[in-house]
Amino acid sequence: MEIRVRIEGIDEVLRQLDGLTSRAALRQGLAAAAFLVERAAKVKAPVDTGFLRNSIQTVSVTDREAVVAVGAEYGIYQEMGTRFMRAQPFMRPALENNRERIAEIIRGAIQRDLR
C-alpha cells in the first residue's frame, strides 16, 4: 500500500521555471513533504506490536512525485477495513490533513532556490 504525492501540472511549471530553478529543489521539496506525510501516518497508525508503524517509509522521491509506502501486508486492511473489522485510516488522513502544509513546503523549496 502506498500514497503518492504528485505535483499536478508539473510539466507546465517546469517549462515556466526552466533555467530559474533546479529539479533538485523540487526533489528536496517533495522529499520534505513525503517525510511530513510519513511522520503523520506513523502517529495515526494503530499500534499493537509496532510493526505496522515501523513499516511506513518514504520509498522514492523524484522531481515529479514522492512515494510513502506501508510494508506491512495487513496495512491495507487497517486503512480500509474488512467486513469483519472497522477501518482505522492512517495513510489517507496523513495526506489529507497536511495538503496545505505540503504545498507550503514545496513552494518554499522552489522560492529558496530562486533566490
N, C-alpha and C. Protein backbone atom coordinates (compact mmCIF):
# COMPACT_ATOMS: atom_id res chain seq x y z
N MET A 1 0.85 -1.17 0.00
CA MET A 1 0.00 0.00 0.00
C MET A 1 0.89 1.23 0.00
N GLU A 2 0.56 2.19 -0.83
CA GLU A 2 1.38 3.40 -0.89
C GLU A 2 0.54 4.62 -1.18
N ILE A 3 1.08 5.75 -0.76
CA ILE A 3 0.49 7.05 -1.04
C ILE A 3 1.49 7.79 -1.91
N ARG A 4 1.02 8.35 -3.00
CA ARG A 4 1.89 9.12 -3.88
C ARG A 4 1.54 10.60 -3.76
N VAL A 5 2.56 11.41 -3.53
CA VAL A 5 2.40 12.85 -3.54
C VAL A 5 2.95 13.30 -4.88
N ARG A 6 2.07 13.75 -5.77
CA ARG A 6 2.46 14.12 -7.12
C ARG A 6 2.08 15.57 -7.35
N ILE A 7 2.95 16.30 -8.00
CA ILE A 7 2.65 17.69 -8.33
C ILE A 7 1.88 17.69 -9.65
N GLU A 8 0.60 18.03 -9.58
CA GLU A 8 -0.23 18.10 -10.79
C GLU A 8 0.19 19.33 -11.59
N GLY A 9 0.29 19.18 -12.90
CA GLY A 9 0.67 20.28 -13.76
C GLY A 9 2.15 20.61 -13.71
N ILE A 10 2.96 19.65 -13.24
CA ILE A 10 4.39 19.91 -13.05
C ILE A 10 5.09 20.22 -14.37
N ASP A 11 4.68 19.60 -15.45
CA ASP A 11 5.35 19.84 -16.73
C ASP A 11 5.24 21.31 -17.13
N GLU A 12 4.07 21.90 -16.95
CA GLU A 12 3.89 23.32 -17.26
C GLU A 12 4.72 24.19 -16.33
N VAL A 13 4.74 23.83 -15.05
CA VAL A 13 5.54 24.58 -14.08
C VAL A 13 7.02 24.52 -14.45
N LEU A 14 7.49 23.33 -14.81
CA LEU A 14 8.91 23.17 -15.18
C LEU A 14 9.25 24.00 -16.42
N ARG A 15 8.33 24.06 -17.39
CA ARG A 15 8.56 24.88 -18.58
C ARG A 15 8.68 26.36 -18.20
N GLN A 16 7.81 26.80 -17.29
CA GLN A 16 7.84 28.20 -16.88
C GLN A 16 9.07 28.53 -16.05
N LEU A 17 9.54 27.57 -15.28
CA LEU A 17 10.69 27.80 -14.41
C LEU A 17 12.01 27.37 -15.05
N ASP A 18 11.96 26.91 -16.29
CA ASP A 18 13.15 26.41 -16.96
C ASP A 18 14.30 27.40 -16.83
N GLY A 19 15.38 26.93 -16.24
CA GLY A 19 16.55 27.76 -16.06
C GLY A 19 16.51 28.61 -14.80
N LEU A 20 15.35 28.72 -14.17
CA LEU A 20 15.24 29.55 -12.97
C LEU A 20 15.41 28.73 -11.69
N THR A 21 14.91 27.51 -11.71
CA THR A 21 15.01 26.65 -10.53
C THR A 21 15.48 25.26 -10.96
N SER A 22 16.01 24.52 -10.04
CA SER A 22 16.54 23.21 -10.37
C SER A 22 15.56 22.11 -10.02
N ARG A 23 15.73 21.00 -10.69
CA ARG A 23 14.92 19.83 -10.36
C ARG A 23 15.27 19.34 -8.96
N ALA A 24 16.48 19.61 -8.53
CA ALA A 24 16.91 19.23 -7.18
C ALA A 24 16.05 19.95 -6.13
N ALA A 25 15.68 21.19 -6.40
CA ALA A 25 14.83 21.94 -5.47
C ALA A 25 13.45 21.28 -5.37
N LEU A 26 12.93 20.83 -6.51
CA LEU A 26 11.64 20.13 -6.50
C LEU A 26 11.75 18.82 -5.72
N ARG A 27 12.84 18.08 -5.96
CA ARG A 27 13.06 16.83 -5.23
C ARG A 27 13.16 17.09 -3.73
N GLN A 28 13.88 18.15 -3.38
CA GLN A 28 14.05 18.49 -1.97
C GLN A 28 12.70 18.82 -1.33
N GLY A 29 11.90 19.59 -2.02
CA GLY A 29 10.57 19.94 -1.50
C GLY A 29 9.67 18.73 -1.38
N LEU A 30 9.68 17.87 -2.40
CA LEU A 30 8.85 16.67 -2.35
C LEU A 30 9.33 15.72 -1.26
N ALA A 31 10.63 15.61 -1.08
CA ALA A 31 11.16 14.74 -0.02
C ALA A 31 10.70 15.24 1.35
N ALA A 32 10.80 16.53 1.58
CA ALA A 32 10.36 17.10 2.86
C ALA A 32 8.87 16.87 3.07
N ALA A 33 8.09 17.03 2.00
CA ALA A 33 6.65 16.80 2.10
C ALA A 33 6.35 15.33 2.37
N ALA A 34 7.08 14.44 1.72
CA ALA A 34 6.87 13.00 1.93
C ALA A 34 7.20 12.61 3.36
N PHE A 35 8.27 13.17 3.91
CA PHE A 35 8.63 12.85 5.29
C PHE A 35 7.58 13.38 6.27
N LEU A 36 6.95 14.50 5.93
CA LEU A 36 5.85 15.01 6.75
C LEU A 36 4.69 14.01 6.76
N VAL A 37 4.33 13.51 5.58
CA VAL A 37 3.25 12.54 5.47
C VAL A 37 3.63 11.25 6.20
N GLU A 38 4.87 10.82 6.03
CA GLU A 38 5.34 9.61 6.72
C GLU A 38 5.19 9.76 8.24
N ARG A 39 5.67 10.87 8.77
CA ARG A 39 5.57 11.10 10.23
C ARG A 39 4.12 11.12 10.69
N ALA A 40 3.26 11.82 9.93
CA ALA A 40 1.85 11.90 10.31
C ALA A 40 1.18 10.53 10.28
N ALA A 41 1.52 9.71 9.28
CA ALA A 41 0.95 8.37 9.18
C ALA A 41 1.41 7.51 10.35
N LYS A 42 2.66 7.64 10.75
CA LYS A 42 3.19 6.86 11.88
C LYS A 42 2.48 7.23 13.17
N VAL A 43 2.18 8.51 13.33
CA VAL A 43 1.46 8.96 14.53
C VAL A 43 0.05 8.40 14.55
N LYS A 44 -0.60 8.37 13.40
CA LYS A 44 -2.00 7.96 13.28
C LYS A 44 -2.18 6.43 13.20
N ALA A 45 -1.14 5.69 12.84
CA ALA A 45 -1.25 4.24 12.64
C ALA A 45 -1.62 3.54 13.95
N PRO A 46 -2.54 2.58 13.86
CA PRO A 46 -2.87 1.79 15.05
C PRO A 46 -1.65 0.95 15.45
N VAL A 47 -1.45 0.81 16.76
CA VAL A 47 -0.25 0.10 17.24
C VAL A 47 -0.65 -1.07 18.12
N ASP A 48 -0.14 -2.24 17.76
CA ASP A 48 -0.23 -3.41 18.61
C ASP A 48 1.21 -3.81 18.94
N THR A 49 1.93 -4.26 17.92
CA THR A 49 3.34 -4.63 18.11
C THR A 49 4.28 -3.52 17.65
N GLY A 50 3.78 -2.58 16.87
CA GLY A 50 4.61 -1.52 16.31
C GLY A 50 5.12 -1.84 14.92
N PHE A 51 4.86 -3.06 14.41
CA PHE A 51 5.35 -3.47 13.10
C PHE A 51 4.76 -2.60 11.99
N LEU A 52 3.46 -2.37 12.06
CA LEU A 52 2.80 -1.54 11.04
C LEU A 52 3.42 -0.15 11.01
N ARG A 53 3.50 0.49 12.15
CA ARG A 53 4.05 1.84 12.23
C ARG A 53 5.48 1.88 11.71
N ASN A 54 6.29 0.91 12.09
CA ASN A 54 7.68 0.89 11.66
C ASN A 54 7.84 0.56 10.18
N SER A 55 6.80 0.01 9.55
CA SER A 55 6.91 -0.34 8.13
C SER A 55 6.55 0.82 7.21
N ILE A 56 6.12 1.94 7.76
CA ILE A 56 5.76 3.11 6.94
C ILE A 56 7.05 3.85 6.59
N GLN A 57 7.34 3.96 5.31
CA GLN A 57 8.59 4.56 4.85
C GLN A 57 8.39 5.38 3.59
N THR A 58 9.20 6.43 3.44
CA THR A 58 9.28 7.13 2.17
C THR A 58 10.22 6.29 1.31
N VAL A 59 9.70 5.76 0.20
CA VAL A 59 10.49 4.81 -0.58
C VAL A 59 11.10 5.38 -1.85
N SER A 60 10.55 6.46 -2.37
CA SER A 60 11.18 7.08 -3.55
C SER A 60 10.75 8.53 -3.68
N VAL A 61 11.67 9.32 -4.23
CA VAL A 61 11.41 10.73 -4.47
C VAL A 61 12.04 11.10 -5.80
N THR A 62 11.25 11.69 -6.69
CA THR A 62 11.78 12.25 -7.94
C THR A 62 11.40 13.72 -7.97
N ASP A 63 11.66 14.38 -9.09
CA ASP A 63 11.25 15.78 -9.19
C ASP A 63 9.78 15.92 -9.57
N ARG A 64 9.07 14.78 -9.68
CA ARG A 64 7.65 14.80 -10.03
C ARG A 64 6.75 14.18 -8.96
N GLU A 65 7.29 13.25 -8.16
CA GLU A 65 6.46 12.62 -7.15
C GLU A 65 7.31 12.01 -6.04
N ALA A 66 6.65 11.78 -4.92
CA ALA A 66 7.25 11.08 -3.80
C ALA A 66 6.29 9.97 -3.39
N VAL A 67 6.83 8.84 -2.95
CA VAL A 67 6.01 7.70 -2.58
C VAL A 67 6.28 7.33 -1.12
N VAL A 68 5.21 7.30 -0.34
CA VAL A 68 5.26 6.82 1.05
C VAL A 68 4.50 5.51 1.06
N ALA A 69 5.16 4.43 1.50
CA ALA A 69 4.56 3.10 1.42
C ALA A 69 4.49 2.44 2.78
N VAL A 70 3.57 1.48 2.87
CA VAL A 70 3.43 0.65 4.06
C VAL A 70 3.93 -0.74 3.70
N GLY A 71 4.92 -1.21 4.42
CA GLY A 71 5.49 -2.53 4.14
C GLY A 71 4.70 -3.67 4.73
N ALA A 72 3.97 -3.43 5.80
CA ALA A 72 3.17 -4.48 6.43
C ALA A 72 2.04 -4.90 5.50
N GLU A 73 1.96 -6.19 5.23
CA GLU A 73 0.94 -6.69 4.30
C GLU A 73 -0.47 -6.34 4.75
N TYR A 74 -0.70 -6.26 6.03
CA TYR A 74 -2.04 -6.03 6.54
C TYR A 74 -2.39 -4.54 6.64
N GLY A 75 -1.48 -3.67 6.21
CA GLY A 75 -1.74 -2.23 6.27
C GLY A 75 -3.00 -1.81 5.54
N ILE A 76 -3.25 -2.40 4.39
CA ILE A 76 -4.43 -2.06 3.60
C ILE A 76 -5.71 -2.39 4.36
N TYR A 77 -5.69 -3.48 5.13
CA TYR A 77 -6.88 -3.87 5.90
C TYR A 77 -7.11 -2.92 7.07
N GLN A 78 -6.04 -2.44 7.66
CA GLN A 78 -6.17 -1.44 8.72
C GLN A 78 -6.74 -0.15 8.14
N GLU A 79 -6.22 0.25 6.99
CA GLU A 79 -6.63 1.50 6.35
C GLU A 79 -8.08 1.45 5.88
N MET A 80 -8.45 0.38 5.21
CA MET A 80 -9.75 0.30 4.55
C MET A 80 -10.80 -0.48 5.35
N GLY A 81 -10.35 -1.34 6.26
CA GLY A 81 -11.27 -2.20 6.98
C GLY A 81 -11.65 -3.42 6.17
N THR A 82 -12.36 -4.32 6.80
CA THR A 82 -12.88 -5.51 6.13
C THR A 82 -14.32 -5.67 6.58
N ARG A 83 -14.96 -6.72 6.13
CA ARG A 83 -16.34 -6.91 6.59
C ARG A 83 -16.37 -7.34 8.06
N PHE A 84 -15.21 -7.74 8.58
CA PHE A 84 -15.13 -8.18 9.98
C PHE A 84 -14.48 -7.14 10.90
N MET A 85 -13.87 -6.12 10.31
CA MET A 85 -13.08 -5.16 11.11
C MET A 85 -13.32 -3.75 10.57
N ARG A 86 -13.54 -2.83 11.47
CA ARG A 86 -13.74 -1.45 11.04
C ARG A 86 -12.41 -0.86 10.55
N ALA A 87 -12.51 0.09 9.66
CA ALA A 87 -11.31 0.77 9.14
C ALA A 87 -10.70 1.63 10.24
N GLN A 88 -9.37 1.71 10.22
CA GLN A 88 -8.63 2.60 11.09
C GLN A 88 -7.66 3.39 10.20
N PRO A 89 -8.18 4.32 9.41
CA PRO A 89 -7.36 5.03 8.43
C PRO A 89 -6.19 5.76 9.08
N PHE A 90 -5.05 5.69 8.42
CA PHE A 90 -3.87 6.40 8.90
C PHE A 90 -3.10 7.03 7.74
N MET A 91 -3.12 6.42 6.57
CA MET A 91 -2.39 6.98 5.42
C MET A 91 -3.15 8.13 4.78
N ARG A 92 -4.41 7.91 4.45
CA ARG A 92 -5.19 8.98 3.82
C ARG A 92 -5.30 10.21 4.70
N PRO A 93 -5.58 10.05 6.00
CA PRO A 93 -5.63 11.25 6.85
C PRO A 93 -4.27 11.96 6.92
N ALA A 94 -3.19 11.18 6.87
CA ALA A 94 -1.85 11.80 6.92
C ALA A 94 -1.66 12.72 5.72
N LEU A 95 -2.17 12.33 4.58
CA LEU A 95 -2.07 13.16 3.38
C LEU A 95 -3.10 14.29 3.41
N GLU A 96 -4.36 13.94 3.63
CA GLU A 96 -5.43 14.93 3.57
C GLU A 96 -5.27 16.05 4.61
N ASN A 97 -4.86 15.70 5.81
CA ASN A 97 -4.73 16.69 6.88
C ASN A 97 -3.53 17.61 6.69
N ASN A 98 -2.67 17.29 5.74
CA ASN A 98 -1.44 18.07 5.54
C ASN A 98 -1.33 18.68 4.15
N ARG A 99 -2.41 18.68 3.38
CA ARG A 99 -2.35 19.20 2.00
C ARG A 99 -1.80 20.63 1.92
N GLU A 100 -2.29 21.51 2.77
CA GLU A 100 -1.82 22.90 2.73
C GLU A 100 -0.35 22.98 3.11
N ARG A 101 0.05 22.25 4.12
CA ARG A 101 1.45 22.26 4.56
C ARG A 101 2.36 21.69 3.47
N ILE A 102 1.90 20.65 2.78
CA ILE A 102 2.68 20.06 1.68
C ILE A 102 2.92 21.11 0.60
N ALA A 103 1.87 21.84 0.22
CA ALA A 103 2.01 22.89 -0.79
C ALA A 103 2.98 23.97 -0.31
N GLU A 104 2.91 24.35 0.97
CA GLU A 104 3.83 25.35 1.52
C GLU A 104 5.28 24.88 1.46
N ILE A 105 5.50 23.62 1.79
CA ILE A 105 6.86 23.07 1.79
C ILE A 105 7.45 23.09 0.38
N ILE A 106 6.68 22.64 -0.59
CA ILE A 106 7.17 22.60 -1.98
C ILE A 106 7.37 24.02 -2.51
N ARG A 107 6.42 24.88 -2.23
CA ARG A 107 6.54 26.29 -2.66
C ARG A 107 7.79 26.92 -2.03
N GLY A 108 8.03 26.66 -0.76
CA GLY A 108 9.20 27.20 -0.06
C GLY A 108 10.51 26.72 -0.66
N ALA A 109 10.57 25.44 -1.04
CA ALA A 109 11.79 24.89 -1.65
C ALA A 109 12.09 25.58 -2.96
N ILE A 110 11.05 25.82 -3.76
CA ILE A 110 11.23 26.48 -5.04
C ILE A 110 11.64 27.94 -4.82
N GLN A 111 10.99 28.62 -3.89
CA GLN A 111 11.31 30.02 -3.62
C GLN A 111 12.74 30.18 -3.13
N ARG A 112 13.19 29.27 -2.25
CA ARG A 112 14.58 29.33 -1.77
C ARG A 112 15.56 29.15 -2.91
N ASP A 113 15.21 28.27 -3.84
CA ASP A 113 16.11 28.02 -4.98
C ASP A 113 16.13 29.21 -5.94
N LEU A 114 15.06 29.97 -6.02
CA LEU A 114 15.00 31.12 -6.92
C LEU A 114 15.81 32.31 -6.41
N ARG A 115 16.14 32.32 -5.13
CA ARG A 115 16.88 33.45 -4.56
C ARG A 115 18.32 33.42 -4.93
